[in-house]
Amino acid sequence: MKYKSEAILLAVALTVTGAIGTYLGSIVTSWNAVHTIGIVGYAPLGIGYGDGYTWITYGNFFTKRIPANGKIVDLLSFPGPSGQGLGYENATKYLYFATGGPYVYVRDSSTAETVRTFACPPPIPKARGLDFDDGHLANPIWLSDENAPTIWNITSTGSVITSFAVPFGGIQGLAYADNVPGGPYLFAGTMSTPSMVYALTPTSGSILYSFKAPPGATGLRALTWDGQYLWTLDRAHGSPTDGDALQFIAYGDFTRVTPASLGRIKALFR
C-alpha cells in the first residue's frame, strides 16, 4: 500500500453574521496527512489534539504535527494493537488509544512506551471513537463502539459513569468541546454516505444539530477539537492508488454559532 497521492487536512470556519462571510462547512486551511511520513502500508485512523500539537495514528505509529501546516515534529512506533481513536491528556502527556478491540492503551507521547491498559466496558467489543476531556478528570473519556449506536463516558481506568443511545450508528469519531457558548457539545462523526457530524448534548445524547461533511467526504474516521476548530479525518478525498489516502477537514469557529442561525446553517448542508 504505497501512497502516491496526497491526503489533505482542511480547516473550516463558521461565521454566520451577515451576508458576506464564511459558514459551517467552508474550508479555512488544509494540509497533506500522508506524504513525507516515511512509512508504507499504514493509513491514518485517529486524530487527537493536545499540548499545542496534532497527533495522528497510523497503525503501529503515531506522529506529532504542527496544526498550522502539518509539519511532522516526531514519529514514533509502538508494539501491540494498532491505534485508532485517540485522545491526549495534557497533564501527563499521555495518549489514549482505542484499538478497534475491547481495550484502551495508554502510551507516553514522548517515548511511545505503554504505560498501562484497561478493558472497555463489557458491551464494547470494537472500541473506535475516543476523546479525552481534560476539563473533567473524574470522567474524562468518551468512547464509542464501531457497530453500536451508543456512547459511553468512562473514567481513566474504564469504569462507566454514564452511557446513552443515539439514533445513528457507525460512530467513528468523538470530540468534546466545552468552551462553546450554549455548550458543551459532544461531536460524533459517522462513516456514512455522506459522512455526518452530529452535535450532541453530553448528558443525554440529544441531537442539537447536524451537518454533512463537505462534498466527497464519505469516509469520516476520526474527530478532535482544538479549542476553536473541529478537525475530521476523512478517507474519501484525494486520488489514491490503493483507496486508503486520507484527508483532514476542520469545521470551525463554533463559538460564533447562535440559536437563531442554526436553522439556516442546517439548511445549507441538508
C-alpha atoms as a PDB file:
ATOM      1  CA  MET A   1       0.000   0.000   0.000  1.00  0.00           C
ATOM      2  CA  LYS A   2       2.182   2.802  -1.216  1.00  0.00           C
ATOM      3  CA  TYR A   3       0.739   6.286  -1.247  1.00  0.00           C
ATOM      4  CA  LYS A   4       1.212   8.182  -4.480  1.00  0.00           C
ATOM      5  CA  SER A   5      -1.421  10.807  -3.871  1.00  0.00           C
ATOM      6  CA  GLU A   6      -1.771  13.311  -1.127  1.00  0.00           C
ATOM      7  CA  ALA A   7      -4.351  13.400   1.607  1.00  0.00           C
ATOM      8  CA  ILE A   8      -5.417  16.843   2.657  1.00  0.00           C
ATOM      9  CA  LEU A   9      -6.126  18.454   6.005  1.00  0.00           C
ATOM     10  CA  LEU A  10      -8.788  21.122   5.881  1.00  0.00           C
ATOM     11  CA  ALA A  11      -9.982  23.642   8.412  1.00  0.00           C
ATOM     12  CA  VAL A  12     -13.414  25.135   8.086  1.00  0.00           C
ATOM     13  CA  ALA A  13     -14.645  28.382   9.553  1.00  0.00           C
ATOM     14  CA  LEU A  14     -18.062  29.053  10.976  1.00  0.00           C
ATOM     15  CA  THR A  15     -19.309  32.633  10.918  1.00  0.00           C
ATOM     16  CA  VAL A  16     -22.959  33.408  10.371  1.00  0.00           C
ATOM     17  CA  THR A  17     -23.189  37.145  10.817  1.00  0.00           C
ATOM     18  CA  GLY A  18     -24.096  38.997   7.652  1.00  0.00           C
ATOM     19  CA  ALA A  19     -24.489  38.048   4.028  1.00  0.00           C
ATOM     20  CA  ILE A  20     -20.754  38.038   3.360  1.00  0.00           C
ATOM     21  CA  GLY A  21     -18.560  35.669   5.314  1.00  0.00           C
ATOM     22  CA  THR A  22     -17.873  32.006   5.900  1.00  0.00           C
ATOM     23  CA  TYR A  23     -20.343  29.382   7.025  1.00  0.00           C
ATOM     24  CA  LEU A  24     -20.304  25.986   8.616  1.00  0.00           C
ATOM     25  CA  GLY A  25     -18.515  23.744   6.125  1.00  0.00           C
ATOM     26  CA  SER A  26     -16.338  26.349   4.417  1.00  0.00           C
ATOM     27  CA  ILE A  27     -12.659  25.424   4.279  1.00  0.00           C
ATOM     28  CA  VAL A  28     -10.160  27.516   6.217  1.00  0.00           C
ATOM     29  CA  THR A  29      -6.922  25.625   5.599  1.00  0.00           C
ATOM     30  CA  SER A  30      -5.674  22.217   4.505  1.00  0.00           C
ATOM     31  CA  TRP A  31      -2.589  20.044   4.516  1.00  0.00           C
ATOM     32  CA  ASN A  32      -1.498  16.594   3.473  1.00  0.00           C
ATOM     33  CA  ALA A  33      -1.794  13.864   6.097  1.00  0.00           C
ATOM     34  CA  VAL A  34       0.047  11.058   4.316  1.00  0.00           C
ATOM     35  CA  HIS A  35       3.080  12.314   2.425  1.00  0.00           C
ATOM     36  CA  THR A  36       6.573  12.546   3.970  1.00  0.00           C
ATOM     37  CA  ILE A  37       5.548  10.216   6.774  1.00  0.00           C
ATOM     38  CA  GLY A  38       8.271   7.742   5.831  1.00  0.00           C
ATOM     39  CA  ILE A  39       6.212   4.580   6.401  1.00  0.00           C
ATOM     40  CA  VAL A  40       4.399   2.405   3.879  1.00  0.00           C
ATOM     41  CA  GLY A  41       1.327   0.260   4.367  1.00  0.00           C
ATOM     42  CA  TYR A  42      -0.491   2.272   7.028  1.00  0.00           C
ATOM     43  CA  ALA A  43      -3.383   4.674   6.673  1.00  0.00           C
ATOM     44  CA  PRO A  44      -4.077   7.255   9.384  1.00  0.00           C
ATOM     45  CA  LEU A  45      -7.017   6.194  11.541  1.00  0.00           C
ATOM     46  CA  GLY A  46      -7.098   8.505  14.556  1.00  0.00           C
ATOM     47  CA  ILE A  47      -6.514  12.136  15.430  1.00  0.00           C
ATOM     48  CA  GLY A  48      -6.093  13.957  18.727  1.00  0.00           C
ATOM     49  CA  TYR A  49      -5.075  17.409  19.880  1.00  0.00           C
ATOM     50  CA  GLY A  50      -3.030  18.362  22.924  1.00  0.00           C
ATOM     51  CA  ASP A  51      -0.080  20.385  24.161  1.00  0.00           C
ATOM     52  CA  GLY A  52      -0.436  22.587  21.068  1.00  0.00           C
ATOM     53  CA  TYR A  53       0.070  19.734  18.592  1.00  0.00           C
ATOM     54  CA  THR A  54      -1.997  17.478  16.369  1.00  0.00           C
ATOM     55  CA  TRP A  55      -1.431  13.752  16.994  1.00  0.00           C
ATOM     56  CA  ILE A  56      -2.251  11.190  14.303  1.00  0.00           C
ATOM     57  CA  THR A  57      -2.182   7.393  14.472  1.00  0.00           C
ATOM     58  CA  TYR A  58      -1.011   5.196  11.581  1.00  0.00           C
ATOM     59  CA  GLY A  59      -1.288   1.531  12.562  1.00  0.00           C
ATOM     60  CA  ASN A  60       1.610   0.994  14.979  1.00  0.00           C
ATOM     61  CA  PHE A  61       2.979   4.502  14.519  1.00  0.00           C
ATOM     62  CA  PHE A  62       1.910   7.957  15.569  1.00  0.00           C
ATOM     63  CA  THR A  63       3.041  11.410  14.511  1.00  0.00           C
ATOM     64  CA  LYS A  64       3.230  14.708  16.351  1.00  0.00           C
ATOM     65  CA  ARG A  65       2.486  17.595  13.986  1.00  0.00           C
ATOM     66  CA  ILE A  66       2.208  21.368  13.910  1.00  0.00           C
ATOM     67  CA  PRO A  67      -1.504  22.085  13.336  1.00  0.00           C
ATOM     68  CA  ALA A  68      -0.971  25.131  11.139  1.00  0.00           C
ATOM     69  CA  ASN A  69       0.897  23.295   8.379  1.00  0.00           C
ATOM     70  CA  GLY A  70       1.082  19.594   9.243  1.00  0.00           C
ATOM     71  CA  LYS A  71       4.864  19.596   9.686  1.00  0.00           C
ATOM     72  CA  ILE A  72       5.994  16.411  11.428  1.00  0.00           C
ATOM     73  CA  VAL A  73       7.779  17.086  14.719  1.00  0.00           C
ATOM     74  CA  ASP A  74       8.098  13.462  15.802  1.00  0.00           C
ATOM     75  CA  LEU A  75       7.329   9.957  14.513  1.00  0.00           C
ATOM     76  CA  LEU A  76       7.258   7.040  16.965  1.00  0.00           C
ATOM     77  CA  SER A  77       6.398   3.358  16.710  1.00  0.00           C
ATOM     78  CA  PHE A  78       4.964   1.008  19.324  1.00  0.00           C
ATOM     79  CA  PRO A  79       4.220  -2.725  19.701  1.00  0.00           C
ATOM     80  CA  GLY A  80       0.792  -4.216  20.222  1.00  0.00           C
ATOM     81  CA  PRO A  81      -2.574  -3.378  18.644  1.00  0.00           C
ATOM     82  CA  SER A  82      -2.766  -0.531  16.163  1.00  0.00           C
ATOM     83  CA  GLY A  83      -4.047   2.838  17.284  1.00  0.00           C
ATOM     84  CA  GLN A  84      -7.433   4.065  16.109  1.00  0.00           C
ATOM     85  CA  GLY A  85      -9.472   6.532  18.177  1.00  0.00           C
ATOM     86  CA  LEU A  86      -7.116   8.879  20.009  1.00  0.00           C
ATOM     87  CA  GLY A  87      -7.203  11.244  22.997  1.00  0.00           C
ATOM     88  CA  TYR A  88      -4.496  13.338  24.676  1.00  0.00           C
ATOM     89  CA  GLU A  89      -4.152  14.057  28.420  1.00  0.00           C
ATOM     90  CA  ASN A  90      -2.303  17.345  28.825  1.00  0.00           C
ATOM     91  CA  ALA A  91      -1.356  16.868  32.491  1.00  0.00           C
ATOM     92  CA  THR A  92       0.534  13.610  31.929  1.00  0.00           C
ATOM     93  CA  LYS A  93       1.243  13.965  28.201  1.00  0.00           C
ATOM     94  CA  TYR A  94      -0.241  10.505  27.718  1.00  0.00           C
ATOM     95  CA  LEU A  95      -2.037   9.332  24.594  1.00  0.00           C
ATOM     96  CA  TYR A  96      -5.131   7.146  24.997  1.00  0.00           C
ATOM     97  CA  PHE A  97      -5.633   4.738  22.087  1.00  0.00           C
ATOM     98  CA  ALA A  98      -8.788   2.881  21.142  1.00  0.00           C
ATOM     99  CA  THR A  99      -7.624  -0.197  19.270  1.00  0.00           C
ATOM    100  CA  GLY A 100     -10.677  -1.471  17.413  1.00  0.00           C
ATOM    101  CA  GLY A 101     -10.944  -4.122  20.134  1.00  0.00           C
ATOM    102  CA  PRO A 102     -12.062  -4.337  23.784  1.00  0.00           C
ATOM    103  CA  TYR A 103      -9.070  -2.498  25.297  1.00  0.00           C
ATOM    104  CA  VAL A 104      -7.714   1.031  25.614  1.00  0.00           C
ATOM    105  CA  TYR A 105      -3.938   1.501  25.624  1.00  0.00           C
ATOM    106  CA  VAL A 106      -2.281   4.430  27.406  1.00  0.00           C
ATOM    107  CA  ARG A 107       1.105   5.424  25.983  1.00  0.00           C
ATOM    108  CA  ASP A 108       3.713   8.053  26.767  1.00  0.00           C
ATOM    109  CA  SER A 109       3.645  10.586  23.927  1.00  0.00           C
ATOM    110  CA  SER A 110       7.399  11.200  24.068  1.00  0.00           C
ATOM    111  CA  THR A 111       8.562   7.565  24.061  1.00  0.00           C
ATOM    112  CA  ALA A 112       5.543   5.539  22.822  1.00  0.00           C
ATOM    113  CA  GLU A 113       6.033   3.300  25.860  1.00  0.00           C
ATOM    114  CA  THR A 114       2.841   1.594  27.044  1.00  0.00           C
ATOM    115  CA  VAL A 115       2.051   2.966  30.499  1.00  0.00           C
ATOM    116  CA  ARG A 116      -0.981   0.767  31.149  1.00  0.00           C
ATOM    117  CA  THR A 117      -4.046  -0.759  29.536  1.00  0.00           C
ATOM    118  CA  PHE A 118      -7.619  -1.183  30.688  1.00  0.00           C
ATOM    119  CA  ALA A 119     -10.661  -3.035  29.445  1.00  0.00           C
ATOM    120  CA  CYS A 120     -13.514  -1.192  27.793  1.00  0.00           C
ATOM    121  CA  PRO A 121     -16.976  -1.578  29.336  1.00  0.00           C
ATOM    122  CA  PRO A 122     -18.249  -5.122  28.559  1.00  0.00           C
ATOM    123  CA  PRO A 123     -20.686  -4.073  25.795  1.00  0.00           C
ATOM    124  CA  ILE A 124     -17.806  -2.659  23.692  1.00  0.00           C
ATOM    125  CA  PRO A 125     -16.086  -5.325  21.567  1.00  0.00           C
ATOM    126  CA  LYS A 126     -14.783  -2.861  18.944  1.00  0.00           C
ATOM    127  CA  ALA A 127     -13.861   0.487  20.507  1.00  0.00           C
ATOM    128  CA  ARG A 128     -13.425   3.030  17.723  1.00  0.00           C
ATOM    129  CA  GLY A 129     -14.193   6.621  18.702  1.00  0.00           C
ATOM    130  CA  LEU A 130     -12.316   8.097  21.683  1.00  0.00           C
ATOM    131  CA  ASP A 131     -11.722  11.535  23.141  1.00  0.00           C
ATOM    132  CA  PHE A 132     -10.061  12.681  26.370  1.00  0.00           C
ATOM    133  CA  ASP A 133     -11.550  15.715  28.129  1.00  0.00           C
ATOM    134  CA  ASP A 134      -9.030  17.472  30.384  1.00  0.00           C
ATOM    135  CA  GLY A 135     -11.771  19.612  31.900  1.00  0.00           C
ATOM    136  CA  HIS A 136     -13.498  16.716  33.672  1.00  0.00           C
ATOM    137  CA  LEU A 137     -10.812  14.437  35.064  1.00  0.00           C
ATOM    138  CA  ALA A 138     -13.297  12.389  37.120  1.00  0.00           C
ATOM    139  CA  ASN A 139     -14.879  11.174  33.876  1.00  0.00           C
ATOM    140  CA  PRO A 140     -12.556  12.264  31.075  1.00  0.00           C
ATOM    141  CA  ILE A 141     -13.018   9.631  28.368  1.00  0.00           C
ATOM    142  CA  TRP A 142     -15.732   9.434  25.733  1.00  0.00           C
ATOM    143  CA  LEU A 143     -15.849   6.130  23.913  1.00  0.00           C
ATOM    144  CA  SER A 144     -17.908   4.549  21.136  1.00  0.00           C
ATOM    145  CA  ASP A 145     -18.157   1.137  19.525  1.00  0.00           C
ATOM    146  CA  GLU A 146     -17.963   0.904  15.753  1.00  0.00           C
ATOM    147  CA  ASN A 147     -21.136  -1.169  15.498  1.00  0.00           C
ATOM    148  CA  ALA A 148     -23.311   0.168  18.342  1.00  0.00           C
ATOM    149  CA  PRO A 149     -25.493   3.317  18.420  1.00  0.00           C
ATOM    150  CA  THR A 150     -24.273   4.066  21.957  1.00  0.00           C
ATOM    151  CA  ILE A 151     -21.734   6.431  23.516  1.00  0.00           C
ATOM    152  CA  TRP A 152     -20.059   5.811  26.877  1.00  0.00           C
ATOM    153  CA  ASN A 153     -18.488   8.274  29.319  1.00  0.00           C
ATOM    154  CA  ILE A 154     -15.871   6.479  31.420  1.00  0.00           C
ATOM    155  CA  THR A 155     -13.082   7.098  33.915  1.00  0.00           C
ATOM    156  CA  SER A 156      -9.404   6.853  33.001  1.00  0.00           C
ATOM    157  CA  THR A 157      -9.462   3.254  34.245  1.00  0.00           C
ATOM    158  CA  GLY A 158     -12.543   2.125  32.332  1.00  0.00           C
ATOM    159  CA  SER A 159     -15.339   2.468  34.904  1.00  0.00           C
ATOM    160  CA  VAL A 160     -18.622   3.615  33.353  1.00  0.00           C
ATOM    161  CA  ILE A 161     -20.002   6.966  34.501  1.00  0.00           C
ATOM    162  CA  THR A 162     -22.899   7.107  32.085  1.00  0.00           C
ATOM    163  CA  SER A 163     -23.956   5.972  28.637  1.00  0.00           C
ATOM    164  CA  PHE A 164     -26.721   6.872  26.209  1.00  0.00           C
ATOM    165  CA  ALA A 165     -28.129   5.629  22.935  1.00  0.00           C
ATOM    166  CA  VAL A 166     -28.148   7.802  19.823  1.00  0.00           C
ATOM    167  CA  PRO A 167     -30.384   7.457  16.733  1.00  0.00           C
ATOM    168  CA  PHE A 168     -27.493   6.671  14.381  1.00  0.00           C
ATOM    169  CA  GLY A 169     -24.739   4.085  14.130  1.00  0.00           C
ATOM    170  CA  GLY A 170     -21.343   3.767  12.522  1.00  0.00           C
ATOM    171  CA  ILE A 171     -19.746   6.170  15.028  1.00  0.00           C
ATOM    172  CA  GLN A 172     -16.097   6.618  14.085  1.00  0.00           C
ATOM    173  CA  GLY A 173     -15.021   9.757  15.922  1.00  0.00           C
ATOM    174  CA  LEU A 174     -15.852  11.720  19.074  1.00  0.00           C
ATOM    175  CA  ALA A 175     -14.801  15.201  20.204  1.00  0.00           C
ATOM    176  CA  TYR A 176     -15.823  17.003  23.387  1.00  0.00           C
ATOM    177  CA  ALA A 177     -15.984  20.819  23.204  1.00  0.00           C
ATOM    178  CA  ASP A 178     -16.673  22.673  26.446  1.00  0.00           C
ATOM    179  CA  ASN A 179     -15.594  26.199  25.513  1.00  0.00           C
ATOM    180  CA  VAL A 180     -18.560  26.913  23.267  1.00  0.00           C
ATOM    181  CA  PRO A 181     -21.428  29.284  24.126  1.00  0.00           C
ATOM    182  CA  GLY A 182     -24.525  27.195  24.584  1.00  0.00           C
ATOM    183  CA  GLY A 183     -22.313  24.137  25.075  1.00  0.00           C
ATOM    184  CA  PRO A 184     -20.684  21.956  25.987  1.00  0.00           C
ATOM    185  CA  TYR A 185     -21.149  19.855  22.878  1.00  0.00           C
ATOM    186  CA  LEU A 186     -20.125  16.297  22.191  1.00  0.00           C
ATOM    187  CA  PHE A 187     -19.471  15.910  18.472  1.00  0.00           C
ATOM    188  CA  ALA A 188     -19.919  12.479  16.891  1.00  0.00           C
ATOM    189  CA  GLY A 189     -18.904  11.627  13.329  1.00  0.00           C
ATOM    190  CA  THR A 190     -20.128   8.737  11.206  1.00  0.00           C
ATOM    191  CA  MET A 191     -18.572   6.986   8.234  1.00  0.00           C
ATOM    192  CA  SER A 192     -21.736   7.036   6.199  1.00  0.00           C
ATOM    193  CA  THR A 193     -22.679   8.235   2.720  1.00  0.00           C
ATOM    194  CA  PRO A 194     -22.494  11.139   3.113  1.00  0.00           C
ATOM    195  CA  SER A 195     -20.445  11.333   6.285  1.00  0.00           C
ATOM    196  CA  MET A 196     -22.272  13.239   9.015  1.00  0.00           C
ATOM    197  CA  VAL A 197     -21.266  15.210  12.100  1.00  0.00           C
ATOM    198  CA  TYR A 198     -23.715  15.466  14.992  1.00  0.00           C
ATOM    199  CA  ALA A 199     -23.555  17.988  17.842  1.00  0.00           C
ATOM    200  CA  LEU A 200     -24.958  16.243  20.930  1.00  0.00           C
ATOM    201  CA  THR A 201     -25.876  17.192  24.486  1.00  0.00           C
ATOM    202  CA  PRO A 202     -23.230  15.330  26.552  1.00  0.00           C
ATOM    203  CA  THR A 203     -25.663  14.484  29.339  1.00  0.00           C
ATOM    204  CA  SER A 204     -28.282  12.762  27.202  1.00  0.00           C
ATOM    205  CA  GLY A 205     -27.112  12.407  23.605  1.00  0.00           C
ATOM    206  CA  SER A 206     -29.897  14.626  22.271  1.00  0.00           C
ATOM    207  CA  ILE A 207     -29.050  15.958  18.811  1.00  0.00           C
ATOM    208  CA  LEU A 208     -28.693  19.739  18.862  1.00  0.00           C
ATOM    209  CA  TYR A 209     -27.879  19.968  15.160  1.00  0.00           C
ATOM    210  CA  SER A 210     -26.125  18.005  12.442  1.00  0.00           C
ATOM    211  CA  PHE A 211     -24.451  18.690   9.130  1.00  0.00           C
ATOM    212  CA  LYS A 212     -22.921  16.885   6.214  1.00  0.00           C
ATOM    213  CA  ALA A 213     -19.203  16.806   5.664  1.00  0.00           C
ATOM    214  CA  PRO A 214     -18.031  18.737   2.573  1.00  0.00           C
ATOM    215  CA  PRO A 215     -18.696  17.193  -0.855  1.00  0.00           C
ATOM    216  CA  GLY A 216     -16.881  13.890  -1.306  1.00  0.00           C
ATOM    217  CA  ALA A 217     -16.441  13.212   2.405  1.00  0.00           C
ATOM    218  CA  THR A 218     -17.909   9.731   2.703  1.00  0.00           C
ATOM    219  CA  GLY A 219     -15.300   8.044   4.875  1.00  0.00           C
ATOM    220  CA  LEU A 220     -15.016  10.004   8.110  1.00  0.00           C
ATOM    221  CA  ARG A 221     -12.751   8.144  10.547  1.00  0.00           C
ATOM    222  CA  ALA A 222     -11.977  10.469  13.468  1.00  0.00           C
ATOM    223  CA  LEU A 223     -12.626  13.834  15.151  1.00  0.00           C
ATOM    224  CA  THR A 224     -10.789  16.132  17.530  1.00  0.00           C
ATOM    225  CA  TRP A 225     -11.429  19.601  18.953  1.00  0.00           C
ATOM    226  CA  ASP A 226      -8.530  22.045  19.334  1.00  0.00           C
ATOM    227  CA  GLY A 227     -10.375  24.747  21.251  1.00  0.00           C
ATOM    228  CA  GLN A 228     -11.510  26.568  18.124  1.00  0.00           C
ATOM    229  CA  TYR A 229     -11.807  24.103  15.251  1.00  0.00           C
ATOM    230  CA  LEU A 230     -13.288  20.658  14.896  1.00  0.00           C
ATOM    231  CA  TRP A 231     -10.926  18.524  12.827  1.00  0.00           C
ATOM    232  CA  THR A 232     -12.202  15.471  10.995  1.00  0.00           C
ATOM    233  CA  LEU A 233     -10.256  12.678   9.349  1.00  0.00           C
ATOM    234  CA  ASP A 234     -11.827  11.547   6.080  1.00  0.00           C
ATOM    235  CA  ARG A 235     -10.640   8.719   3.852  1.00  0.00           C
ATOM    236  CA  ALA A 236     -12.652   9.602   0.743  1.00  0.00           C
ATOM    237  CA  HIS A 237     -10.584  12.517  -0.566  1.00  0.00           C
ATOM    238  CA  GLY A 238      -7.641  12.524  -2.917  1.00  0.00           C
ATOM    239  CA  SER A 239      -6.933  10.044  -5.746  1.00  0.00           C
ATOM    240  CA  PRO A 240      -5.012   7.232  -4.077  1.00  0.00           C
ATOM    241  CA  THR A 241      -3.843   4.178  -5.976  1.00  0.00           C
ATOM    242  CA  ASP A 242      -4.970   1.891  -3.157  1.00  0.00           C
ATOM    243  CA  GLY A 243      -8.045   3.676  -1.837  1.00  0.00           C
ATOM    244  CA  ASP A 244      -6.600   4.483   1.557  1.00  0.00           C
ATOM    245  CA  ALA A 245      -5.199   8.012   1.348  1.00  0.00           C
ATOM    246  CA  LEU A 246      -6.998  10.318   3.750  1.00  0.00           C
ATOM    247  CA  GLN A 247      -7.764  13.963   4.175  1.00  0.00           C
ATOM    248  CA  PHE A 248      -8.442  16.072   7.212  1.00  0.00           C
ATOM    249  CA  ILE A 249     -11.269  18.548   7.488  1.00  0.00           C
ATOM    250  CA  ALA A 250     -11.882  21.010  10.301  1.00  0.00           C
ATOM    251  CA  TYR A 251     -15.205  22.669  10.939  1.00  0.00           C
ATOM    252  CA  GLY A 252     -14.535  25.699  12.968  1.00  0.00           C
ATOM    253  CA  ASP A 253     -15.442  28.519  14.927  1.00  0.00           C
ATOM    254  CA  PHE A 254     -18.467  27.152  16.694  1.00  0.00           C
ATOM    255  CA  THR A 255     -18.074  29.957  19.233  1.00  0.00           C
ATOM    256  CA  ARG A 256     -19.966  32.234  16.863  1.00  0.00           C
ATOM    257  CA  VAL A 257     -22.961  29.994  16.316  1.00  0.00           C
ATOM    258  CA  THR A 258     -26.187  31.405  17.687  1.00  0.00           C
ATOM    259  CA  PRO A 259     -29.524  29.576  18.090  1.00  0.00           C
ATOM    260  CA  ALA A 260     -31.136  31.915  15.563  1.00  0.00           C
ATOM    261  CA  SER A 261     -28.620  30.874  12.930  1.00  0.00           C
ATOM    262  CA  LEU A 262     -28.789  27.114  13.391  1.00  0.00           C
ATOM    263  CA  GLY A 263     -31.773  26.577  11.103  1.00  0.00           C
ATOM    264  CA  ARG A 264     -30.027  28.489   8.362  1.00  0.00           C
ATOM    265  CA  ILE A 265     -26.826  26.512   8.786  1.00  0.00           C
ATOM    266  CA  LYS A 266     -28.619  23.178   8.743  1.00  0.00           C
ATOM    267  CA  ALA A 267     -30.428  24.126   5.563  1.00  0.00           C
ATOM    268  CA  LEU A 268     -27.134  24.771   3.796  1.00  0.00           C
ATOM    269  CA  PHE A 269     -25.945  21.198   4.359  1.00  0.00           C
ATOM    270  CA  ARG A 270     -29.135  19.168   4.452  1.00  0.00           C
END
